[in-house]
Amino acid sequence: MNLDQKGLKKRSITVAYFFETIGKKHDIKFRRLNNVDEHKRRIFERDLHRPGLALAGFTNLFTYKRVQIFGNTETRFLNHLDEEERNQRFANLVRFKMPCIILTSNNKLPQNLLDMATHAGIPVYITRCSSTKTIYLVTGFLDDQFSLYQQYHGSMVDVYGVGVLLTGKSGLGKSEIALDLIERGHGLVADDVVVIQRKGESMVLNAKRNHIIDHFMEIRGLGVVDVKANFGIRAIRDVKEVQVVVELLEWNKEIVYERLGLDTKFIKILGVDVPLVELPIFPGKNITVIIEVVALNFLLKRYSNYVAAEALTSRINNVINSNSDKSEEGSDD
């Protein structure tokens, strides 16, 4: 199954969305200092900018499309200027169409400078957080907003703490297997539509649910099941790293399937290689228990560097070598 679809990415977000959302996701609060139309200002990238050189008058390389951070350095620089020069410097700054200005550490701007920003349509916010913390939290938020993502057909389950993505053709029973895993105490991340996200250059893939479908499942012959209502809060997860992909295949006696598991297969998702287990299914086969073992094998390899197939192969080779040595000794006699 080809999961290496081209990732999608937001081109921009409004400053209004930024202001209304960031406080819900991170431990930071902003307060408005002026009243402008925040929907007309857009943020296009994750990186922030501290406009020290621009305030000093050098604007040739001014990255004005980024969120502008005014910390102690920037505000004290403005405050040490006389009023006329301060107004000129700030007027030179707000002529650029920047998304917004954030004042950190409860720094203040003179009212006439706030009026300039308002006249230019630039939102100005203030926070108690330091510049370092503000930059860290805002960058993390924007990194999440502008990360690569894609939607995939499948089921995502947390099995013994391992994120397992179940894929395969429609009708093979992915939802039924996921439901059986939930009944055995594991957690559902998403069913039918799985949203996978890759932040920046990270090699970590995080899976989430589609918020329209939420934690509902469709079981053929039964209908819609509300996992949270039926099994409780313990049965659901909001987000989980994709660590193993299990592809369900229709049994075909003409195909030679993996018997030992010596060669680990991988599949690319958003440019990241993820271990792949191809699992042929037929009536009577206990797929749920096998997926639990897949998760346990993953944990054994990660934390103990133990692979059962390699251990068995090593044991067989030792027996063969031992018998060979005994045969050579007997021939010498």
C-alpha atoms as a PDB file:
ATOM      1  CA  MET A   1       0.000   0.000   0.000  1.00  0.00           C
ATOM      2  CA  ASN A   2       1.383   3.412  -0.954  1.00  0.00           C
ATOM      3  CA  LEU A   3       1.277   5.755   2.021  1.00  0.00           C
ATOM      4  CA  ASP A   4       3.914   8.140   0.697  1.00  0.00           C
ATOM      5  CA  GLN A   5       1.446  10.756  -0.494  1.00  0.00           C
ATOM      6  CA  LYS A   6       2.592  14.326  -0.892  1.00  0.00           C
ATOM      7  CA  GLY A   7       2.212  16.213   2.359  1.00  0.00           C
ATOM      8  CA  LEU A   8      -0.059  19.223   2.681  1.00  0.00           C
ATOM      9  CA  LYS A   9       0.782  22.442   4.496  1.00  0.00           C
ATOM     10  CA  LYS A  10      -1.146  25.558   5.478  1.00  0.00           C
ATOM     11  CA  ARG A  11      -0.057  28.603   3.520  1.00  0.00           C
ATOM     12  CA  SER A  12      -1.027  31.032   6.267  1.00  0.00           C
ATOM     13  CA  ILE A  13      -3.177  31.646   9.334  1.00  0.00           C
ATOM     14  CA  THR A  14      -4.914  34.835  10.419  1.00  0.00           C
ATOM     15  CA  VAL A  15      -3.645  36.790  13.396  1.00  0.00           C
ATOM     16  CA  ALA A  16      -7.166  36.491  14.818  1.00  0.00           C
ATOM     17  CA  TYR A  17      -6.879  32.686  14.807  1.00  0.00           C
ATOM     18  CA  PHE A  18      -3.407  32.921  16.332  1.00  0.00           C
ATOM     19  CA  PHE A  19      -4.614  35.137  19.187  1.00  0.00           C
ATOM     20  CA  GLU A  20      -7.715  33.055  19.913  1.00  0.00           C
ATOM     21  CA  THR A  21      -5.983  29.642  19.741  1.00  0.00           C
ATOM     22  CA  ILE A  22      -2.482  29.834  21.185  1.00  0.00           C
ATOM     23  CA  GLY A  23      -3.652  30.333  24.780  1.00  0.00           C
ATOM     24  CA  LYS A  24      -5.678  27.104  24.569  1.00  0.00           C
ATOM     25  CA  LYS A  25      -2.660  25.060  23.519  1.00  0.00           C
ATOM     26  CA  HIS A  26       0.189  26.685  25.476  1.00  0.00           C
ATOM     27  CA  ASP A  27       0.789  28.295  28.842  1.00  0.00           C
ATOM     28  CA  ILE A  28       0.879  31.858  27.567  1.00  0.00           C
ATOM     29  CA  LYS A  29      -1.676  34.682  27.612  1.00  0.00           C
ATOM     30  CA  PHE A  30      -1.807  37.744  25.398  1.00  0.00           C
ATOM     31  CA  ARG A  31      -3.719  40.976  25.964  1.00  0.00           C
ATOM     32  CA  ARG A  32      -4.736  43.366  23.184  1.00  0.00           C
ATOM     33  CA  LEU A  33      -3.327  46.876  23.347  1.00  0.00           C
ATOM     34  CA  ASN A  34      -5.155  48.248  20.307  1.00  0.00           C
ATOM     35  CA  ASN A  35      -8.269  47.546  18.293  1.00  0.00           C
ATOM     36  CA  VAL A  36      -7.700  46.624  14.639  1.00  0.00           C
ATOM     37  CA  ASP A  37      -9.125  44.036  12.234  1.00  0.00           C
ATOM     38  CA  GLU A  38      -7.008  40.967  13.074  1.00  0.00           C
ATOM     39  CA  HIS A  39      -8.591  38.967  10.250  1.00  0.00           C
ATOM     40  CA  LYS A  40      -6.836  41.153   7.675  1.00  0.00           C
ATOM     41  CA  ARG A  41      -3.382  40.276   8.994  1.00  0.00           C
ATOM     42  CA  ARG A  42      -1.887  36.882   8.194  1.00  0.00           C
ATOM     43  CA  ILE A  43       1.094  34.890   9.456  1.00  0.00           C
ATOM     44  CA  PHE A  44       2.991  32.995   6.730  1.00  0.00           C
ATOM     45  CA  GLU A  45       5.836  31.237   8.564  1.00  0.00           C
ATOM     46  CA  ARG A  46       6.891  29.731  11.881  1.00  0.00           C
ATOM     47  CA  ASP A  47       9.974  31.881  12.472  1.00  0.00           C
ATOM     48  CA  LEU A  48       9.810  35.054  14.579  1.00  0.00           C
ATOM     49  CA  HIS A  49      11.839  38.255  14.332  1.00  0.00           C
ATOM     50  CA  ARG A  50      13.313  40.744  16.801  1.00  0.00           C
ATOM     51  CA  PRO A  51      13.501  44.037  14.851  1.00  0.00           C
ATOM     52  CA  GLY A  52      16.558  45.576  16.515  1.00  0.00           C
ATOM     53  CA  LEU A  53      18.336  46.521  13.281  1.00  0.00           C
ATOM     54  CA  ALA A  54      15.093  47.751  11.720  1.00  0.00           C
ATOM     55  CA  LEU A  55      14.525  50.077  14.693  1.00  0.00           C
ATOM     56  CA  ALA A  56      18.107  51.300  14.251  1.00  0.00           C
ATOM     57  CA  GLY A  57      17.242  52.228  10.669  1.00  0.00           C
ATOM     58  CA  PHE A  58      18.603  49.286   8.633  1.00  0.00           C
ATOM     59  CA  THR A  59      15.601  47.739   6.855  1.00  0.00           C
ATOM     60  CA  ASN A  60      17.255  46.252   3.744  1.00  0.00           C
ATOM     61  CA  LEU A  61      16.948  42.693   5.099  1.00  0.00           C
ATOM     62  CA  PHE A  62      13.969  43.297   7.384  1.00  0.00           C
ATOM     63  CA  THR A  63      11.869  40.084   7.554  1.00  0.00           C
ATOM     64  CA  TYR A  64       8.675  42.023   8.187  1.00  0.00           C
ATOM     65  CA  LYS A  65       6.338  39.137   7.279  1.00  0.00           C
ATOM     66  CA  ARG A  66       7.206  37.412  10.559  1.00  0.00           C
ATOM     67  CA  VAL A  67       5.673  38.017  13.977  1.00  0.00           C
ATOM     68  CA  GLN A  68       7.713  40.827  15.583  1.00  0.00           C
ATOM     69  CA  ILE A  69       8.952  40.415  19.175  1.00  0.00           C
ATOM     70  CA  PHE A  70       9.667  43.524  21.268  1.00  0.00           C
ATOM     71  CA  GLY A  71      11.604  42.516  24.374  1.00  0.00           C
ATOM     72  CA  ASN A  72      13.593  44.501  26.904  1.00  0.00           C
ATOM     73  CA  THR A  73      16.282  45.409  24.348  1.00  0.00           C
ATOM     74  CA  GLU A  74      13.892  46.824  21.751  1.00  0.00           C
ATOM     75  CA  THR A  75      11.711  48.801  24.161  1.00  0.00           C
ATOM     76  CA  ARG A  76      14.663  50.257  26.098  1.00  0.00           C
ATOM     77  CA  PHE A  77      16.313  51.267  22.827  1.00  0.00           C
ATOM     78  CA  LEU A  78      13.164  53.191  21.886  1.00  0.00           C
ATOM     79  CA  ASN A  79      12.845  54.730  25.340  1.00  0.00           C
ATOM     80  CA  HIS A  80      16.394  56.103  25.317  1.00  0.00           C
ATOM     81  CA  LEU A  81      15.676  58.090  22.120  1.00  0.00           C
ATOM     82  CA  ASP A  82      14.170  61.573  22.215  1.00  0.00           C
ATOM     83  CA  GLU A  83      10.509  61.759  21.232  1.00  0.00           C
ATOM     84  CA  GLU A  84      11.006  63.012  17.675  1.00  0.00           C
ATOM     85  CA  GLU A  85      13.611  60.401  16.764  1.00  0.00           C
ATOM     86  CA  ARG A  86      11.584  57.658  18.482  1.00  0.00           C
ATOM     87  CA  ASN A  87       8.546  58.558  16.404  1.00  0.00           C
ATOM     88  CA  GLN A  88      10.609  58.533  13.205  1.00  0.00           C
ATOM     89  CA  ARG A  89      12.129  55.128  13.952  1.00  0.00           C
ATOM     90  CA  PHE A  90       8.785  53.557  14.811  1.00  0.00           C
ATOM     91  CA  ALA A  91       7.041  55.167  11.813  1.00  0.00           C
ATOM     92  CA  ASN A  92       9.744  53.683   9.583  1.00  0.00           C
ATOM     93  CA  LEU A  93       8.961  50.273  11.100  1.00  0.00           C
ATOM     94  CA  VAL A  94       5.149  50.235  10.831  1.00  0.00           C
ATOM     95  CA  ARG A  95       5.169  51.201   7.158  1.00  0.00           C
ATOM     96  CA  PHE A  96       5.890  47.511   6.526  1.00  0.00           C
ATOM     97  CA  LYS A  97       2.900  45.141   6.484  1.00  0.00           C
ATOM     98  CA  MET A  98       3.891  42.951   9.428  1.00  0.00           C
ATOM     99  CA  PRO A  99       1.453  40.433  10.985  1.00  0.00           C
ATOM    100  CA  CYS A 100       1.580  41.731  14.576  1.00  0.00           C
ATOM    101  CA  ILE A 101       3.808  43.013  17.379  1.00  0.00           C
ATOM    102  CA  ILE A 102       4.205  41.187  20.697  1.00  0.00           C
ATOM    103  CA  LEU A 103       5.559  43.030  23.731  1.00  0.00           C
ATOM    104  CA  THR A 104       7.162  40.619  26.210  1.00  0.00           C
ATOM    105  CA  SER A 105       7.873  40.964  29.955  1.00  0.00           C
ATOM    106  CA  ASN A 106       5.009  43.497  30.290  1.00  0.00           C
ATOM    107  CA  ASN A 107       7.005  46.104  28.387  1.00  0.00           C
ATOM    108  CA  LYS A 108       5.117  49.229  27.383  1.00  0.00           C
ATOM    109  CA  LEU A 109       4.983  51.438  24.311  1.00  0.00           C
ATOM    110  CA  PRO A 110       4.119  55.141  24.465  1.00  0.00           C
ATOM    111  CA  GLN A 111       0.529  55.844  23.435  1.00  0.00           C
ATOM    112  CA  ASN A 112       1.518  57.755  20.301  1.00  0.00           C
ATOM    113  CA  LEU A 113       3.469  54.689  19.048  1.00  0.00           C
ATOM    114  CA  LEU A 114       0.432  52.484  19.721  1.00  0.00           C
ATOM    115  CA  ASP A 115      -1.646  54.960  17.730  1.00  0.00           C
ATOM    116  CA  MET A 116       0.808  54.647  14.822  1.00  0.00           C
ATOM    117  CA  ALA A 117       0.471  50.854  14.891  1.00  0.00           C
ATOM    118  CA  THR A 118      -3.321  51.133  15.039  1.00  0.00           C
ATOM    119  CA  HIS A 119      -3.368  53.564  12.108  1.00  0.00           C
ATOM    120  CA  ALA A 120      -1.218  51.074  10.139  1.00  0.00           C
ATOM    121  CA  GLY A 121      -3.601  48.226  11.044  1.00  0.00           C
ATOM    122  CA  ILE A 122      -0.969  46.291  13.034  1.00  0.00           C
ATOM    123  CA  PRO A 123      -2.252  44.382  16.096  1.00  0.00           C
ATOM    124  CA  VAL A 124      -0.161  44.891  19.234  1.00  0.00           C
ATOM    125  CA  TYR A 125      -0.234  42.376  22.106  1.00  0.00           C
ATOM    126  CA  ILE A 126       1.407  42.225  25.509  1.00  0.00           C
ATOM    127  CA  THR A 127       2.387  39.237  27.654  1.00  0.00           C
ATOM    128  CA  ARG A 128       3.967  38.749  31.070  1.00  0.00           C
ATOM    129  CA  CYS A 129       6.241  36.005  29.690  1.00  0.00           C
ATOM    130  CA  SER A 130       9.892  36.694  28.971  1.00  0.00           C
ATOM    131  CA  SER A 131      11.158  36.961  25.407  1.00  0.00           C
ATOM    132  CA  THR A 132      12.833  33.540  25.644  1.00  0.00           C
ATOM    133  CA  LYS A 133       9.654  31.781  26.790  1.00  0.00           C
ATOM    134  CA  THR A 134       7.455  33.699  24.339  1.00  0.00           C
ATOM    135  CA  ILE A 135       9.695  32.836  21.377  1.00  0.00           C
ATOM    136  CA  TYR A 136       9.800  29.178  22.456  1.00  0.00           C
ATOM    137  CA  LEU A 137       6.015  28.836  22.851  1.00  0.00           C
ATOM    138  CA  VAL A 138       5.007  30.896  19.816  1.00  0.00           C
ATOM    139  CA  THR A 139       7.521  29.101  17.580  1.00  0.00           C
ATOM    140  CA  GLY A 140       6.218  25.733  18.825  1.00  0.00           C
ATOM    141  CA  PHE A 141       2.641  26.784  18.097  1.00  0.00           C
ATOM    142  CA  LEU A 142       3.451  28.053  14.604  1.00  0.00           C
ATOM    143  CA  ASP A 143       5.611  25.004  13.904  1.00  0.00           C
ATOM    144  CA  ASP A 144       2.563  22.884  14.631  1.00  0.00           C
ATOM    145  CA  GLN A 145       0.338  25.060  12.435  1.00  0.00           C
ATOM    146  CA  PHE A 146       2.690  24.969   9.430  1.00  0.00           C
ATOM    147  CA  SER A 147       3.787  21.336   9.700  1.00  0.00           C
ATOM    148  CA  LEU A 148       3.299  18.778   6.920  1.00  0.00           C
ATOM    149  CA  TYR A 149       0.188  16.656   7.244  1.00  0.00           C
ATOM    150  CA  GLN A 150      -1.899  14.175   5.280  1.00  0.00           C
ATOM    151  CA  GLN A 151      -5.057  12.122   5.805  1.00  0.00           C
ATOM    152  CA  TYR A 152      -4.922   8.354   5.400  1.00  0.00           C
ATOM    153  CA  HIS A 153      -7.537   5.601   5.353  1.00  0.00           C
ATOM    154  CA  GLY A 154      -6.967   3.231   8.257  1.00  0.00           C
ATOM    155  CA  SER A 155      -7.153   2.822  12.027  1.00  0.00           C
ATOM    156  CA  MET A 156      -4.636   4.109  14.567  1.00  0.00           C
ATOM    157  CA  VAL A 157      -4.348   2.288  17.903  1.00  0.00           C
ATOM    158  CA  ASP A 158      -2.135   2.600  20.986  1.00  0.00           C
ATOM    159  CA  VAL A 159      -1.069  -0.983  21.794  1.00  0.00           C
ATOM    160  CA  TYR A 160       1.072  -1.334  24.950  1.00  0.00           C
ATOM    161  CA  GLY A 161       2.238   2.234  24.388  1.00  0.00           C
ATOM    162  CA  VAL A 162       3.232   1.571  20.760  1.00  0.00           C
ATOM    163  CA  GLY A 163       1.500   3.555  18.016  1.00  0.00           C
ATOM    164  CA  VAL A 164       0.223   1.009  15.459  1.00  0.00           C
ATOM    165  CA  LEU A 165      -1.324   2.154  12.174  1.00  0.00           C
ATOM    166  CA  LEU A 166      -3.618  -0.459  10.606  1.00  0.00           C
ATOM    167  CA  THR A 167      -3.946  -0.162   6.835  1.00  0.00           C
ATOM    168  CA  GLY A 168      -5.311  -2.306   4.022  1.00  0.00           C
ATOM    169  CA  LYS A 169      -8.117  -2.508   1.504  1.00  0.00           C
ATOM    170  CA  SER A 170     -11.601  -1.486   2.520  1.00  0.00           C
ATOM    171  CA  GLY A 171     -13.653  -4.341   3.973  1.00  0.00           C
ATOM    172  CA  LEU A 172     -10.754  -6.337   5.475  1.00  0.00           C
ATOM    173  CA  GLY A 173     -11.880  -5.583   9.022  1.00  0.00           C
ATOM    174  CA  LYS A 174      -9.555  -2.816  10.247  1.00  0.00           C
ATOM    175  CA  SER A 175     -12.264  -1.249  12.402  1.00  0.00           C
ATOM    176  CA  GLU A 176     -13.302  -4.621  13.849  1.00  0.00           C
ATOM    177  CA  ILE A 177      -9.685  -5.386  14.785  1.00  0.00           C
ATOM    178  CA  ALA A 178      -9.309  -1.947  16.350  1.00  0.00           C
ATOM    179  CA  LEU A 179     -12.522  -2.501  18.326  1.00  0.00           C
ATOM    180  CA  ASP A 180     -11.246  -5.852  19.569  1.00  0.00           C
ATOM    181  CA  LEU A 181      -7.989  -4.194  20.678  1.00  0.00           C
ATOM    182  CA  ILE A 182      -9.966  -1.527  22.529  1.00  0.00           C
ATOM    183  CA  GLU A 183     -11.997  -4.208  24.304  1.00  0.00           C
ATOM    184  CA  ARG A 184      -8.688  -5.773  25.413  1.00  0.00           C
ATOM    185  CA  GLY A 185      -7.661  -2.506  27.089  1.00  0.00           C
ATOM    186  CA  HIS A 186      -5.774  -0.662  24.343  1.00  0.00           C
ATOM    187  CA  GLY A 187      -6.564   2.870  23.134  1.00  0.00           C
ATOM    188  CA  LEU A 188      -8.094   4.235  19.931  1.00  0.00           C
ATOM    189  CA  VAL A 189      -6.484   7.276  18.355  1.00  0.00           C
ATOM    190  CA  ALA A 190      -8.504   7.403  15.126  1.00  0.00           C
ATOM    191  CA  ASP A 191     -10.616   5.196  12.900  1.00  0.00           C
ATOM    192  CA  ASP A 192     -11.340   5.384   9.178  1.00  0.00           C
ATOM    193  CA  VAL A 193      -9.578   8.746   8.723  1.00  0.00           C
ATOM    194  CA  VAL A 194      -6.162   9.155  10.347  1.00  0.00           C
ATOM    195  CA  VAL A 195      -4.464  12.568  10.205  1.00  0.00           C
ATOM    196  CA  ILE A 196      -0.661  12.200  10.310  1.00  0.00           C
ATOM    197  CA  GLN A 197       1.578  15.194  10.929  1.00  0.00           C
ATOM    198  CA  ARG A 198       5.324  15.774  10.627  1.00  0.00           C
ATOM    199  CA  LYS A 199       6.734  18.877  12.316  1.00  0.00           C
ATOM    200  CA  GLY A 200       9.623  20.596  10.526  1.00  0.00           C
ATOM    201  CA  GLU A 201      12.604  18.335   9.894  1.00  0.00           C
ATOM    202  CA  SER A 202      11.655  16.002  12.750  1.00  0.00           C
ATOM    203  CA  MET A 203      11.552  12.267  12.023  1.00  0.00           C
ATOM    204  CA  VAL A 204       8.574  11.874  14.363  1.00  0.00           C
ATOM    205  CA  LEU A 205       5.115  11.321  12.888  1.00  0.00           C
ATOM    206  CA  ASN A 206       2.136  12.110  15.104  1.00  0.00           C
ATOM    207  CA  ALA A 207      -1.305  10.684  14.352  1.00  0.00           C
ATOM    208  CA  LYS A 208      -4.542  12.394  15.333  1.00  0.00           C
ATOM    209  CA  ARG A 209      -8.206  11.878  14.670  1.00  0.00           C
ATOM    210  CA  ASN A 210     -10.392  13.798  12.257  1.00  0.00           C
ATOM    211  CA  HIS A 211     -12.381  16.067  14.573  1.00  0.00           C
ATOM    212  CA  ILE A 212     -15.577  15.623  12.556  1.00  0.00           C
ATOM    213  CA  ILE A 213     -15.536  11.829  12.934  1.00  0.00           C
ATOM    214  CA  ASP A 214     -13.965  12.134  16.405  1.00  0.00           C
ATOM    215  CA  HIS A 215     -13.878   8.764  18.242  1.00  0.00           C
ATOM    216  CA  PHE A 216     -16.818   7.213  16.395  1.00  0.00           C
ATOM    217  CA  MET A 217     -16.365   3.926  14.547  1.00  0.00           C
ATOM    218  CA  GLU A 218     -18.418   2.305  11.786  1.00  0.00           C
ATOM    219  CA  ILE A 219     -18.764  -1.453  12.168  1.00  0.00           C
ATOM    220  CA  ARG A 220     -20.341  -3.233   9.202  1.00  0.00           C
ATOM    221  CA  GLY A 221     -23.533  -5.008  10.248  1.00  0.00           C
ATOM    222  CA  LEU A 222     -23.718  -3.100  13.535  1.00  0.00           C
ATOM    223  CA  GLY A 223     -23.509   0.578  12.637  1.00  0.00           C
ATOM    224  CA  VAL A 224     -21.852   3.477  14.408  1.00  0.00           C
ATOM    225  CA  VAL A 225     -20.134   2.941  17.773  1.00  0.00           C
ATOM    226  CA  ASP A 226     -19.148   5.768  20.127  1.00  0.00           C
ATOM    227  CA  VAL A 227     -15.921   4.420  21.642  1.00  0.00           C
ATOM    228  CA  LYS A 228     -15.653   7.096  24.340  1.00  0.00           C
ATOM    229  CA  ALA A 229     -19.267   6.602  25.492  1.00  0.00           C
ATOM    230  CA  ASN A 230     -19.090   2.797  25.413  1.00  0.00           C
ATOM    231  CA  PHE A 231     -15.620   2.153  26.824  1.00  0.00           C
ATOM    232  CA  GLY A 232     -14.827   5.343  28.746  1.00  0.00           C
ATOM    233  CA  ILE A 233     -12.009   7.862  28.660  1.00  0.00           C
ATOM    234  CA  ARG A 234      -9.342   5.145  29.095  1.00  0.00           C
ATOM    235  CA  ALA A 235     -10.146   3.795  25.625  1.00  0.00           C
ATOM    236  CA  ILE A 236      -9.178   6.907  23.633  1.00  0.00           C
ATOM    237  CA  ARG A 237      -6.001   8.860  22.872  1.00  0.00           C
ATOM    238  CA  ASP A 238      -5.736  12.368  21.415  1.00  0.00           C
ATOM    239  CA  VAL A 239      -2.380  11.911  19.700  1.00  0.00           C
ATOM    240  CA  LYS A 240       0.146   9.107  19.249  1.00  0.00           C
ATOM    241  CA  GLU A 241       3.424   8.661  17.413  1.00  0.00           C
ATOM    242  CA  VAL A 242       3.232   6.336  14.399  1.00  0.00           C
ATOM    243  CA  GLN A 243       5.828   3.660  15.211  1.00  0.00           C
ATOM    244  CA  VAL A 244       4.678   0.574  13.278  1.00  0.00           C
ATOM    245  CA  VAL A 245       2.466   0.108  10.215  1.00  0.00           C
ATOM    246  CA  VAL A 246       0.535  -3.163   9.960  1.00  0.00           C
ATOM    247  CA  GLU A 247      -0.837  -3.740   6.468  1.00  0.00           C
ATOM    248  CA  LEU A 248      -3.662  -6.289   6.320  1.00  0.00           C
ATOM    249  CA  LEU A 249      -3.553  -8.426   3.172  1.00  0.00           C
ATOM    250  CA  GLU A 250      -6.007 -10.890   1.682  1.00  0.00           C
ATOM    251  CA  TRP A 251      -4.615 -14.417   1.943  1.00  0.00           C
ATOM    252  CA  ASN A 252      -3.184 -15.673  -1.329  1.00  0.00           C
ATOM    253  CA  LYS A 253      -1.691 -19.175  -1.391  1.00  0.00           C
ATOM    254  CA  GLU A 254       0.398 -18.250  -4.431  1.00  0.00           C
ATOM    255  CA  ILE A 255       2.366 -15.656  -2.453  1.00  0.00           C
ATOM    256  CA  VAL A 256       5.333 -16.565  -0.244  1.00  0.00           C
ATOM    257  CA  TYR A 257       4.962 -14.623   3.013  1.00  0.00           C
ATOM    258  CA  GLU A 258       7.627 -13.732   5.564  1.00  0.00           C
ATOM    259  CA  ARG A 259       8.361 -16.667   7.878  1.00  0.00           C
ATOM    260  CA  LEU A 260      11.275 -15.560  10.063  1.00  0.00           C
ATOM    261  CA  GLY A 261      11.167 -11.779  10.142  1.00  0.00           C
ATOM    262  CA  LEU A 262      14.912 -11.280   9.656  1.00  0.00           C
ATOM    263  CA  ASP A 263      14.490  -8.554   7.066  1.00  0.00           C
ATOM    264  CA  THR A 264      12.642  -5.514   8.436  1.00  0.00           C
ATOM    265  CA  LYS A 265      10.509  -3.818   5.814  1.00  0.00           C
ATOM    266  CA  PHE A 266       9.853  -0.085   5.834  1.00  0.00           C
ATOM    267  CA  ILE A 267       7.285   2.209   4.294  1.00  0.00           C
ATOM    268  CA  LYS A 268       7.609   5.953   3.743  1.00  0.00           C
ATOM    269  CA  ILE A 269       5.078   8.308   5.297  1.00  0.00           C
ATOM    270  CA  LEU A 270       5.670  12.022   4.665  1.00  0.00           C
ATOM    271  CA  GLY A 271       9.300  11.174   3.903  1.00  0.00           C
ATOM    272  CA  VAL A 272       9.898   9.187   7.110  1.00  0.00           C
ATOM    273  CA  ASP A 273      10.686   5.438   7.064  1.00  0.00           C
ATOM    274  CA  VAL A 274       8.354   3.485   9.370  1.00  0.00           C
ATOM    275  CA  PRO A 275       8.650  -0.289  10.071  1.00  0.00           C
ATOM    276  CA  LEU A 276       6.096  -2.283   8.074  1.00  0.00           C
ATOM    277  CA  VAL A 277       4.519  -5.627   8.920  1.00  0.00           C
ATOM    278  CA  GLU A 278       2.534  -7.269   6.112  1.00  0.00           C
ATOM    279  CA  LEU A 279      -0.088  -9.506   7.702  1.00  0.00           C
ATOM    280  CA  PRO A 280      -2.122 -11.925   5.566  1.00  0.00           C
ATOM    281  CA  ILE A 281      -5.526 -12.656   7.072  1.00  0.00           C
ATOM    282  CA  PHE A 282      -8.023 -15.475   6.688  1.00  0.00           C
ATOM    283  CA  PRO A 283     -11.007 -16.738   8.748  1.00  0.00           C
ATOM    284  CA  GLY A 284     -10.008 -18.080  12.153  1.00  0.00           C
ATOM    285  CA  LYS A 285      -6.714 -16.221  12.377  1.00  0.00           C
ATOM    286  CA  ASN A 286      -6.393 -14.239  15.622  1.00  0.00           C
ATOM    287  CA  ILE A 287      -5.200 -10.934  14.203  1.00  0.00           C
ATOM    288  CA  THR A 288      -5.683  -9.037  17.466  1.00  0.00           C
ATOM    289  CA  VAL A 289      -3.198 -11.160  19.402  1.00  0.00           C
ATOM    290  CA  ILE A 290      -0.717 -10.996  16.513  1.00  0.00           C
ATOM    291  CA  ILE A 291      -0.863  -7.178  16.546  1.00  0.00           C
ATOM    292  CA  GLU A 292      -0.229  -7.232  20.297  1.00  0.00           C
ATOM    293  CA  VAL A 293       2.859  -9.354  19.617  1.00  0.00           C
ATOM    294  CA  VAL A 294       3.934  -6.909  16.890  1.00  0.00           C
ATOM    295  CA  ALA A 295       3.863  -4.143  19.510  1.00  0.00           C
ATOM    296  CA  LEU A 296       5.743  -6.270  22.061  1.00  0.00           C
ATOM    297  CA  ASN A 297       8.397  -7.165  19.466  1.00  0.00           C
ATOM    298  CA  PHE A 298       8.828  -3.468  18.731  1.00  0.00           C
ATOM    299  CA  LEU A 299       9.368  -2.749  22.442  1.00  0.00           C
ATOM    300  CA  LEU A 300      11.849  -5.638  22.773  1.00  0.00           C
ATOM    301  CA  LYS A 301      13.884  -4.362  19.848  1.00  0.00           C
ATOM    302  CA  ARG A 302      13.816  -0.737  21.002  1.00  0.00           C
ATOM    303  CA  TYR A 303      14.695  -1.247  24.654  1.00  0.00           C
ATOM    304  CA  SER A 304      16.617  -4.549  24.640  1.00  0.00           C
ATOM    305  CA  ASN A 305      17.845  -4.730  21.033  1.00  0.00           C
ATOM    306  CA  TYR A 306      16.367  -8.236  20.968  1.00  0.00           C
ATOM    307  CA  VAL A 307      14.996  -9.770  17.762  1.00  0.00           C
ATOM    308  CA  ALA A 308      13.571 -13.277  18.115  1.00  0.00           C
ATOM    309  CA  ALA A 309      14.445 -14.295  14.542  1.00  0.00           C
ATOM    310  CA  GLU A 310      18.079 -13.255  15.027  1.00  0.00           C
ATOM    311  CA  ALA A 311      18.265 -15.078  18.371  1.00  0.00           C
ATOM    312  CA  LEU A 312      16.870 -18.281  16.808  1.00  0.00           C
ATOM    313  CA  THR A 313      19.203 -18.023  13.797  1.00  0.00           C
ATOM    314  CA  SER A 314      22.189 -17.537  16.106  1.00  0.00           C
ATOM    315  CA  ARG A 315      21.173 -20.568  18.182  1.00  0.00           C
ATOM    316  CA  ILE A 316      20.818 -22.763  15.068  1.00  0.00           C
ATOM    317  CA  ASN A 317      24.212 -21.618  13.753  1.00  0.00           C
ATOM    318  CA  ASN A 318      25.818 -22.414  17.113  1.00  0.00           C
ATOM    319  CA  VAL A 319      24.360 -25.945  17.067  1.00  0.00           C
ATOM    320  CA  ILE A 320      25.530 -26.481  13.468  1.00  0.00           C
ATOM    321  CA  ASN A 321      29.036 -25.225  14.270  1.00  0.00           C
ATOM    322  CA  SER A 322      29.174 -27.344  17.421  1.00  0.00           C
ATOM    323  CA  ASN A 323      28.158 -30.512  15.514  1.00  0.00           C
ATOM    324  CA  SER A 324      30.674 -29.674  12.793  1.00  0.00           C
ATOM    325  CA  ASP A 325      33.479 -29.390  15.352  1.00  0.00           C
ATOM    326  CA  LYS A 326      32.521 -32.746  16.903  1.00  0.00           C
ATOM    327  CA  SER A 327      32.521 -34.404  13.454  1.00  0.00           C
ATOM    328  CA  GLU A 328      36.011 -33.079  12.731  1.00  0.00           C
ATOM    329  CA  GLU A 329      37.289 -34.401  16.077  1.00  0.00           C
ATOM    330  CA  GLY A 330      35.828 -37.845  15.354  1.00  0.00           C
ATOM    331  CA  SER A 331      37.419 -37.982  11.923  1.00  0.00           C
ATOM    332  CA  ASP A 332      40.852 -37.124  13.420  1.00  0.00           C
ATOM    333  CA  ASP A 333      40.572 -40.088  15.805  1.00  0.00           C
END
